[in-house]
Amino acid sequence: MLRSDGAHFQKNYSMTAGVELVVKSVNIPETSDSVELYIFDSAGRETFVEACEKMWGQPSVLCLVYDVSSEVSFSSCSRWMERVRAHCQGLQVPGVLVGNKSDLSSRREVEASVAQGWAQSQGLEYHETSAKEMENCEAPFLSLAMAFHALYQDRLQTIQSLT
């Protein structure tokens, strides 16, 4: 989903092994602005938590991704959210919860309404995607970019009001 930029899902692909940095540029609608998202992809591996936290610095936005056909995957989002909050000392970080593999509807273990409710309770937007079918894959990135753009605009106004 991150690497293909609209290309078809590859049958032979290598899963994230460790922590990878991916940069994605997103144009902000109805402006001439664009945002470059620097995304640290840890593939949810517990062994890389400390490495992730060192690379995060102070994150501006958050993207949690889980597999809709795995309750375990969804449950781990709570632990990641706790880690982010602890790392950010309780500051609210806007972001998205992404339910991936929506094409596996017959194997679904997490209902969209449950995930939507949890996302809302955490202050996150909710999106479902299918990286395999390339369905709705850009929406989460647009949400993240627009959230960052709004934060940037707020900070810019604050700085300008001080001068």
Protein backbone atom coordinates (compact mmCIF):
# COMPACT_ATOMS: atom_id res chain seq x y z
CA MET A 1 0.00 0.00 0.00
CA LEU A 2 2.80 2.42 0.86
CA ARG A 3 5.25 1.38 -1.78
CA SER A 4 3.13 0.77 -4.85
CA ASP A 5 1.77 4.31 -5.44
CA GLY A 6 -1.23 2.87 -7.25
CA ALA A 7 0.42 -0.13 -8.85
CA HIS A 8 -1.19 -3.53 -8.53
CA PHE A 9 -0.58 -5.66 -5.48
CA GLN A 10 2.45 -7.87 -6.03
CA LYS A 11 2.02 -11.61 -5.50
CA ASN A 12 5.63 -11.85 -4.40
CA TYR A 13 6.49 -9.19 -1.88
CA SER A 14 8.73 -8.89 1.14
CA MET A 15 7.10 -8.10 4.45
CA THR A 16 8.57 -5.40 6.64
CA ALA A 17 11.43 -6.92 8.59
CA GLY A 18 12.44 -4.37 11.19
CA VAL A 19 11.54 -0.72 10.95
CA GLU A 20 11.38 1.02 7.61
CA LEU A 21 11.03 4.70 6.80
CA VAL A 22 8.68 5.51 3.94
CA VAL A 23 8.16 9.04 2.61
CA LYS A 24 4.86 9.84 0.93
CA SER A 25 3.93 13.20 -0.55
CA VAL A 26 0.26 14.20 -0.44
CA ASN A 27 -1.34 17.24 -2.09
CA ILE A 28 -3.79 19.15 0.11
CA PRO A 29 -7.06 19.70 -1.80
CA GLU A 30 -8.09 23.25 -2.63
CA THR A 31 -4.63 24.61 -1.79
CA SER A 32 -1.27 24.74 -3.48
CA ASP A 33 0.23 22.99 -0.44
CA SER A 34 1.53 19.49 -0.13
CA VAL A 35 2.68 17.51 2.90
CA GLU A 36 5.48 14.99 3.02
CA LEU A 37 4.61 12.23 5.47
CA TYR A 38 7.57 10.45 7.03
CA ILE A 39 6.11 7.09 8.01
CA PHE A 40 7.92 4.66 10.30
CA ASP A 41 6.62 1.20 9.44
CA SER A 42 7.34 -1.30 12.21
CA ALA A 43 4.86 -3.95 11.04
CA GLY A 44 3.65 -4.10 14.66
CA ARG A 45 6.68 -6.02 15.83
CA GLU A 46 7.04 -5.80 19.61
CA THR A 47 10.79 -6.31 19.35
CA PHE A 48 11.16 -2.96 17.58
CA VAL A 49 9.24 -0.80 20.05
CA GLU A 50 12.31 0.91 21.48
CA ALA A 51 13.79 1.53 18.04
CA CYS A 52 10.48 3.02 16.90
CA GLU A 53 10.21 5.31 19.89
CA LYS A 54 13.73 6.64 19.32
CA MET A 55 12.94 7.38 15.66
CA TRP A 56 9.51 8.91 16.36
CA GLY A 57 10.80 11.98 18.12
CA GLN A 58 7.59 13.91 18.76
CA PRO A 59 5.12 12.46 16.22
CA SER A 60 2.70 14.88 14.61
CA VAL A 61 0.17 12.31 13.38
CA LEU A 62 -0.46 8.62 13.96
CA CYS A 63 -1.47 5.77 11.68
CA LEU A 64 -2.45 2.45 13.26
CA VAL A 65 -3.13 -0.39 10.83
CA TYR A 66 -4.74 -3.71 11.69
CA ASP A 67 -5.98 -6.73 9.76
CA VAL A 68 -9.83 -6.94 9.71
CA SER A 69 -9.53 -10.73 9.63
CA SER A 70 -7.56 -10.83 12.90
CA GLU A 71 -8.98 -9.92 16.31
CA VAL A 72 -5.44 -10.21 17.72
CA SER A 73 -4.21 -7.60 15.24
CA PHE A 74 -7.00 -5.22 16.24
CA SER A 75 -6.39 -5.78 19.97
CA SER A 76 -2.74 -4.82 19.59
CA CYS A 77 -3.81 -1.33 18.48
CA SER A 78 -4.68 -0.52 22.10
CA ARG A 79 -1.14 -1.36 23.22
CA TRP A 80 0.37 0.76 20.46
CA MET A 81 -1.93 3.64 21.36
CA GLU A 82 -0.83 3.40 25.01
CA ARG A 83 2.80 3.49 23.91
CA VAL A 84 2.24 6.54 21.74
CA ARG A 85 0.44 8.35 24.55
CA ALA A 86 3.19 7.47 27.04
CA HIS A 87 5.86 8.56 24.56
CA CYS A 88 4.03 11.83 23.88
CA GLN A 89 3.41 12.39 27.59
CA GLY A 90 -0.35 12.27 27.18
CA LEU A 91 -0.57 14.85 24.39
CA GLN A 92 -3.33 14.16 21.87
CA VAL A 93 -1.90 13.07 18.52
CA PRO A 94 -4.39 13.16 15.64
CA GLY A 95 -4.46 10.24 13.30
CA VAL A 96 -6.20 7.32 11.67
CA LEU A 97 -7.05 3.73 12.40
CA VAL A 98 -6.92 1.66 9.23
CA GLY A 99 -8.61 -1.71 8.88
CA ASN A 100 -6.74 -3.39 6.04
CA LYS A 101 -7.66 -6.52 4.06
CA SER A 102 -11.30 -5.52 3.63
CA ASP A 103 -11.32 -7.87 0.63
CA LEU A 104 -11.30 -10.79 3.09
CA SER A 105 -14.94 -10.24 4.08
CA SER A 106 -15.63 -13.96 4.56
CA ARG A 107 -12.81 -14.13 7.13
CA ARG A 108 -13.65 -10.88 8.93
CA GLU A 109 -13.19 -11.04 12.70
CA VAL A 110 -13.49 -7.32 13.48
CA GLU A 111 -16.72 -5.58 12.54
CA ALA A 112 -16.34 -2.09 11.10
CA SER A 113 -18.72 -0.66 13.71
CA VAL A 114 -16.52 -1.96 16.56
CA ALA A 115 -13.36 -0.53 15.01
CA GLN A 116 -15.12 2.74 14.19
CA GLY A 117 -16.28 3.07 17.80
CA TRP A 118 -12.82 2.38 19.18
CA ALA A 119 -11.21 4.83 16.75
CA GLN A 120 -13.68 7.52 17.71
CA SER A 121 -13.03 6.93 21.42
CA GLN A 122 -9.31 7.46 20.73
CA GLY A 123 -9.78 10.61 18.64
CA LEU A 124 -8.86 8.83 15.41
CA GLU A 125 -10.55 8.75 12.02
CA TYR A 126 -11.43 5.31 10.71
CA HIS A 127 -10.80 3.91 7.23
CA GLU A 128 -11.06 0.44 5.73
CA THR A 129 -8.80 -0.50 2.86
CA SER A 130 -7.73 -3.38 0.69
CA ALA A 131 -4.11 -3.09 -0.35
CA LYS A 132 -4.60 -6.15 -2.55
CA GLU A 133 -7.52 -4.58 -4.46
CA MET A 134 -6.16 -1.01 -4.09
CA GLU A 135 -9.48 0.09 -2.55
CA ASN A 136 -9.57 3.27 -0.48
CA CYS A 137 -5.78 3.20 -0.01
CA GLU A 138 -5.20 6.92 -0.45
CA ALA A 139 -7.90 8.08 2.00
CA PRO A 140 -5.92 7.40 5.20
CA PHE A 141 -2.90 9.28 3.85
CA LEU A 142 -5.06 12.22 2.81
CA SER A 143 -6.57 12.29 6.33
CA LEU A 144 -3.10 12.24 7.89
CA ALA A 145 -1.81 14.96 5.57
CA MET A 146 -4.84 17.17 6.20
CA ALA A 147 -4.48 16.69 9.99
CA PHE A 148 -0.81 17.68 9.78
CA HIS A 149 -1.63 20.62 7.52
CA ALA A 150 -4.23 21.85 10.03
CA LEU A 151 -1.69 21.57 12.88
CA TYR A 152 0.85 23.48 10.79
CA GLN A 153 -1.66 26.23 9.96
CA ASP A 154 -2.58 26.57 13.66
CA ARG A 155 1.07 26.86 14.67
CA LEU A 156 1.74 29.34 11.89
CA GLN A 157 -1.16 31.55 13.06
CA THR A 158 0.08 31.36 16.64
CA ILE A 159 3.57 32.47 15.58
CA GLN A 160 2.19 35.26 13.39
CA SER A 161 -0.01 36.53 16.24
CA LEU A 162 3.09 36.91 18.44
CA THR A 163 4.81 39.25 15.99
